[in-house]
Amino acid sequence: MKNPEAQQDVSVSQRIRVMFYVMKPSETSFQTLEEVPDYVRKATPFFISLMLLELVVGWIRKGKPPGGLDDALTSMSAGIVSQLPRLFCRSIELTSYVYIWENYRLISLPWDSPWTWYLTFLGVDFGYYWFHRMAH
């Protein structure tokens, strides 16, 4: 589904900044779905590098490995498990989204407008707030 050429367009700077959500709207706005890079896959090597750097710095400062192996394995397992729904449900989610967008959308927002990005950011945050609140 992803365009392999679009995957190569992610710079080293973007791979690092995506981990900290420091991306400009112009860098994350695409006209078609095929143009969207897989940011998680591109940022994973940097994420692992930062984990190893944390281990080395902690080891140097304390003279022993920081934390326990159990904590590290639990954290990495949680990260892996958080990606499993993408593997199993992504096509269902995407197909449903495209169907609803094509048949039931109320308005069409311009894909290249910063206002679209800001409004959808607030909308997603608002939706997550209510989802999280009702989950309690």
C-alpha atoms as a PDB file:
ATOM      1  CA  MET A   1       0.000   0.000   0.000  1.00  0.00           C
ATOM      2  CA  LYS A   2       2.824   2.390   0.798  1.00  0.00           C
ATOM      3  CA  ASN A   3       4.866   3.910  -1.974  1.00  0.00           C
ATOM      4  CA  PRO A   4       8.469   2.643  -1.606  1.00  0.00           C
ATOM      5  CA  GLU A   5       9.821   5.872  -3.092  1.00  0.00           C
ATOM      6  CA  ALA A   6       7.977   7.926  -0.462  1.00  0.00           C
ATOM      7  CA  GLN A   7       9.621   5.800   2.218  1.00  0.00           C
ATOM      8  CA  GLN A   8      13.041   7.055   1.141  1.00  0.00           C
ATOM      9  CA  ASP A   9      12.033  10.714   1.482  1.00  0.00           C
ATOM     10  CA  VAL A  10      12.242  10.705   5.287  1.00  0.00           C
ATOM     11  CA  SER A  11      15.402  12.520   6.377  1.00  0.00           C
ATOM     12  CA  VAL A  12      17.501  11.616   9.407  1.00  0.00           C
ATOM     13  CA  SER A  13      16.270  14.798  11.071  1.00  0.00           C
ATOM     14  CA  GLN A  14      12.641  13.774  10.508  1.00  0.00           C
ATOM     15  CA  ARG A  15      13.301  10.269  11.821  1.00  0.00           C
ATOM     16  CA  ILE A  16      14.531  11.739  15.101  1.00  0.00           C
ATOM     17  CA  ARG A  17      11.964  14.538  15.337  1.00  0.00           C
ATOM     18  CA  VAL A  18       9.043  12.172  14.753  1.00  0.00           C
ATOM     19  CA  MET A  19       9.862  10.448  18.074  1.00  0.00           C
ATOM     20  CA  PHE A  20       9.322  13.727  19.918  1.00  0.00           C
ATOM     21  CA  TYR A  21       6.374  14.985  17.807  1.00  0.00           C
ATOM     22  CA  VAL A  22       8.449  17.924  16.532  1.00  0.00           C
ATOM     23  CA  MET A  23       7.229  17.822  12.942  1.00  0.00           C
ATOM     24  CA  LYS A  24       5.874  20.785  10.993  1.00  0.00           C
ATOM     25  CA  PRO A  25       2.398  20.435   9.446  1.00  0.00           C
ATOM     26  CA  SER A  26       3.935  20.873   5.991  1.00  0.00           C
ATOM     27  CA  GLU A  27       6.118  17.798   6.619  1.00  0.00           C
ATOM     28  CA  THR A  28       3.191  15.612   7.618  1.00  0.00           C
ATOM     29  CA  SER A  29       0.560  16.678   5.074  1.00  0.00           C
ATOM     30  CA  PHE A  30       0.197  14.522   1.974  1.00  0.00           C
ATOM     31  CA  GLN A  31      -2.293  14.635  -0.856  1.00  0.00           C
ATOM     32  CA  THR A  32      -2.594  10.858  -1.224  1.00  0.00           C
ATOM     33  CA  LEU A  33      -2.294   7.965   1.184  1.00  0.00           C
ATOM     34  CA  GLU A  34       0.475   6.395  -0.894  1.00  0.00           C
ATOM     35  CA  GLU A  35       2.753   9.375  -0.193  1.00  0.00           C
ATOM     36  CA  VAL A  36       2.661   8.904   3.594  1.00  0.00           C
ATOM     37  CA  PRO A  37       5.920   7.404   4.945  1.00  0.00           C
ATOM     38  CA  ASP A  38       5.899   4.782   7.683  1.00  0.00           C
ATOM     39  CA  TYR A  39       7.329   7.038  10.386  1.00  0.00           C
ATOM     40  CA  VAL A  40       7.280   4.356  13.081  1.00  0.00           C
ATOM     41  CA  ARG A  41       9.426   2.000  11.022  1.00  0.00           C
ATOM     42  CA  LYS A  42      11.828   4.801  10.121  1.00  0.00           C
ATOM     43  CA  ALA A  43      12.165   6.042  13.736  1.00  0.00           C
ATOM     44  CA  THR A  44      12.610   2.600  15.340  1.00  0.00           C
ATOM     45  CA  PRO A  45      16.422   2.406  14.844  1.00  0.00           C
ATOM     46  CA  PHE A  46      16.824   5.793  16.546  1.00  0.00           C
ATOM     47  CA  PHE A  47      14.530   4.712  19.374  1.00  0.00           C
ATOM     48  CA  ILE A  48      16.624   1.586  19.959  1.00  0.00           C
ATOM     49  CA  SER A  49      19.823   3.669  19.758  1.00  0.00           C
ATOM     50  CA  LEU A  50      18.512   6.018  22.450  1.00  0.00           C
ATOM     51  CA  MET A  51      17.649   3.038  24.670  1.00  0.00           C
ATOM     52  CA  LEU A  52      21.188   1.700  24.277  1.00  0.00           C
ATOM     53  CA  LEU A  53      22.647   5.163  24.934  1.00  0.00           C
ATOM     54  CA  GLU A  54      20.588   5.381  28.127  1.00  0.00           C
ATOM     55  CA  LEU A  55      21.924   1.974  29.181  1.00  0.00           C
ATOM     56  CA  VAL A  56      25.560   2.962  28.520  1.00  0.00           C
ATOM     57  CA  VAL A  57      25.285   6.361  30.260  1.00  0.00           C
ATOM     58  CA  GLY A  58      23.556   4.773  33.255  1.00  0.00           C
ATOM     59  CA  TRP A  59      26.205   2.068  33.414  1.00  0.00           C
ATOM     60  CA  ILE A  60      29.024   4.645  33.330  1.00  0.00           C
ATOM     61  CA  ARG A  61      27.405   6.869  35.971  1.00  0.00           C
ATOM     62  CA  LYS A  62      26.442   4.099  38.406  1.00  0.00           C
ATOM     63  CA  GLY A  63      29.094   1.509  37.641  1.00  0.00           C
ATOM     64  CA  LYS A  64      26.405  -1.094  36.940  1.00  0.00           C
ATOM     65  CA  PRO A  65      23.543  -1.474  34.476  1.00  0.00           C
ATOM     66  CA  PRO A  66      20.610   0.765  35.438  1.00  0.00           C
ATOM     67  CA  GLY A  67      17.273  -0.871  36.169  1.00  0.00           C
ATOM     68  CA  GLY A  68      16.639  -4.513  35.746  1.00  0.00           C
ATOM     69  CA  LEU A  69      16.396  -6.748  32.754  1.00  0.00           C
ATOM     70  CA  ASP A  70      12.776  -7.392  33.686  1.00  0.00           C
ATOM     71  CA  ASP A  71      11.930  -3.679  33.372  1.00  0.00           C
ATOM     72  CA  ALA A  72      13.631  -3.432  29.992  1.00  0.00           C
ATOM     73  CA  LEU A  73      11.889  -6.532  28.651  1.00  0.00           C
ATOM     74  CA  THR A  74       8.523  -5.340  29.953  1.00  0.00           C
ATOM     75  CA  SER A  75       8.921  -1.943  28.290  1.00  0.00           C
ATOM     76  CA  MET A  76      10.032  -3.432  24.979  1.00  0.00           C
ATOM     77  CA  SER A  77       7.212  -5.989  25.093  1.00  0.00           C
ATOM     78  CA  ALA A  78       4.691  -3.213  25.702  1.00  0.00           C
ATOM     79  CA  GLY A  79       6.056  -1.368  22.673  1.00  0.00           C
ATOM     80  CA  ILE A  80       5.803  -4.463  20.500  1.00  0.00           C
ATOM     81  CA  VAL A  81       2.289  -5.268  21.713  1.00  0.00           C
ATOM     82  CA  SER A  82       1.209  -1.678  21.013  1.00  0.00           C
ATOM     83  CA  GLN A  83       2.102  -2.249  17.346  1.00  0.00           C
ATOM     84  CA  LEU A  84       0.208  -5.552  16.966  1.00  0.00           C
ATOM     85  CA  PRO A  85      -3.169  -3.927  16.223  1.00  0.00           C
ATOM     86  CA  ARG A  86      -1.537  -2.186  13.241  1.00  0.00           C
ATOM     87  CA  LEU A  87      -0.572  -5.582  11.904  1.00  0.00           C
ATOM     88  CA  PHE A  88      -4.005  -7.171  12.276  1.00  0.00           C
ATOM     89  CA  CYS A  89      -6.468  -4.288  11.993  1.00  0.00           C
ATOM     90  CA  ARG A  90      -4.873  -1.718   9.710  1.00  0.00           C
ATOM     91  CA  SER A  91      -6.636  -2.823   6.527  1.00  0.00           C
ATOM     92  CA  ILE A  92     -10.048  -2.937   8.248  1.00  0.00           C
ATOM     93  CA  GLU A  93      -9.479   0.491   9.774  1.00  0.00           C
ATOM     94  CA  LEU A  94      -8.283   2.004   6.506  1.00  0.00           C
ATOM     95  CA  THR A  95     -11.057   0.464   4.398  1.00  0.00           C
ATOM     96  CA  SER A  96     -13.703   1.657   6.866  1.00  0.00           C
ATOM     97  CA  TYR A  97     -12.219   5.141   7.001  1.00  0.00           C
ATOM     98  CA  VAL A  98     -12.097   5.510   3.205  1.00  0.00           C
ATOM     99  CA  TYR A  99     -15.671   4.208   2.839  1.00  0.00           C
ATOM    100  CA  ILE A 100     -17.040   6.608   5.467  1.00  0.00           C
ATOM    101  CA  TRP A 101     -15.038   9.523   4.038  1.00  0.00           C
ATOM    102  CA  GLU A 102     -16.256   8.877   0.488  1.00  0.00           C
ATOM    103  CA  ASN A 103     -19.922   8.385   1.433  1.00  0.00           C
ATOM    104  CA  TYR A 104     -20.650  10.357   4.616  1.00  0.00           C
ATOM    105  CA  ARG A 105     -18.233  13.284   4.965  1.00  0.00           C
ATOM    106  CA  LEU A 106     -19.867  16.589   5.852  1.00  0.00           C
ATOM    107  CA  ILE A 107     -17.164  18.880   4.475  1.00  0.00           C
ATOM    108  CA  SER A 108     -13.934  18.579   2.519  1.00  0.00           C
ATOM    109  CA  LEU A 109     -10.980  20.360   4.047  1.00  0.00           C
ATOM    110  CA  PRO A 110      -7.978  21.327   1.888  1.00  0.00           C
ATOM    111  CA  TRP A 111      -5.199  18.823   2.541  1.00  0.00           C
ATOM    112  CA  ASP A 112      -2.411  21.402   2.229  1.00  0.00           C
ATOM    113  CA  SER A 113      -3.809  24.051   4.598  1.00  0.00           C
ATOM    114  CA  PRO A 114      -2.195  24.532   8.029  1.00  0.00           C
ATOM    115  CA  TRP A 115      -5.668  25.311   9.405  1.00  0.00           C
ATOM    116  CA  THR A 116      -6.813  21.825   8.428  1.00  0.00           C
ATOM    117  CA  TRP A 117      -3.890  20.381  10.371  1.00  0.00           C
ATOM    118  CA  TYR A 118      -4.571  22.519  13.450  1.00  0.00           C
ATOM    119  CA  LEU A 119      -8.317  21.827  13.456  1.00  0.00           C
ATOM    120  CA  THR A 120      -7.875  18.093  13.006  1.00  0.00           C
ATOM    121  CA  PHE A 121      -5.222  18.076  15.729  1.00  0.00           C
ATOM    122  CA  LEU A 122      -7.722  19.643  18.126  1.00  0.00           C
ATOM    123  CA  GLY A 123     -10.464  17.288  16.921  1.00  0.00           C
ATOM    124  CA  VAL A 124      -8.358  14.173  17.452  1.00  0.00           C
ATOM    125  CA  ASP A 125      -7.219  15.432  20.857  1.00  0.00           C
ATOM    126  CA  PHE A 126     -10.831  16.162  21.828  1.00  0.00           C
ATOM    127  CA  GLY A 127     -11.906  12.692  20.650  1.00  0.00           C
ATOM    128  CA  TYR A 128      -9.074  11.017  22.553  1.00  0.00           C
ATOM    129  CA  TYR A 129      -9.979  13.001  25.669  1.00  0.00           C
ATOM    130  CA  TRP A 130     -13.549  11.662  25.589  1.00  0.00           C
ATOM    131  CA  PHE A 131     -12.422   8.140  24.704  1.00  0.00           C
ATOM    132  CA  HIS A 132      -9.972   8.156  27.616  1.00  0.00           C
ATOM    133  CA  ARG A 133     -12.524   9.674  29.983  1.00  0.00           C
ATOM    134  CA  MET A 134     -15.156   7.041  29.127  1.00  0.00           C
ATOM    135  CA  ALA A 135     -12.579   4.248  29.411  1.00  0.00           C
ATOM    136  CA  HIS A 136     -12.324   4.885  33.155  1.00  0.00           C
END
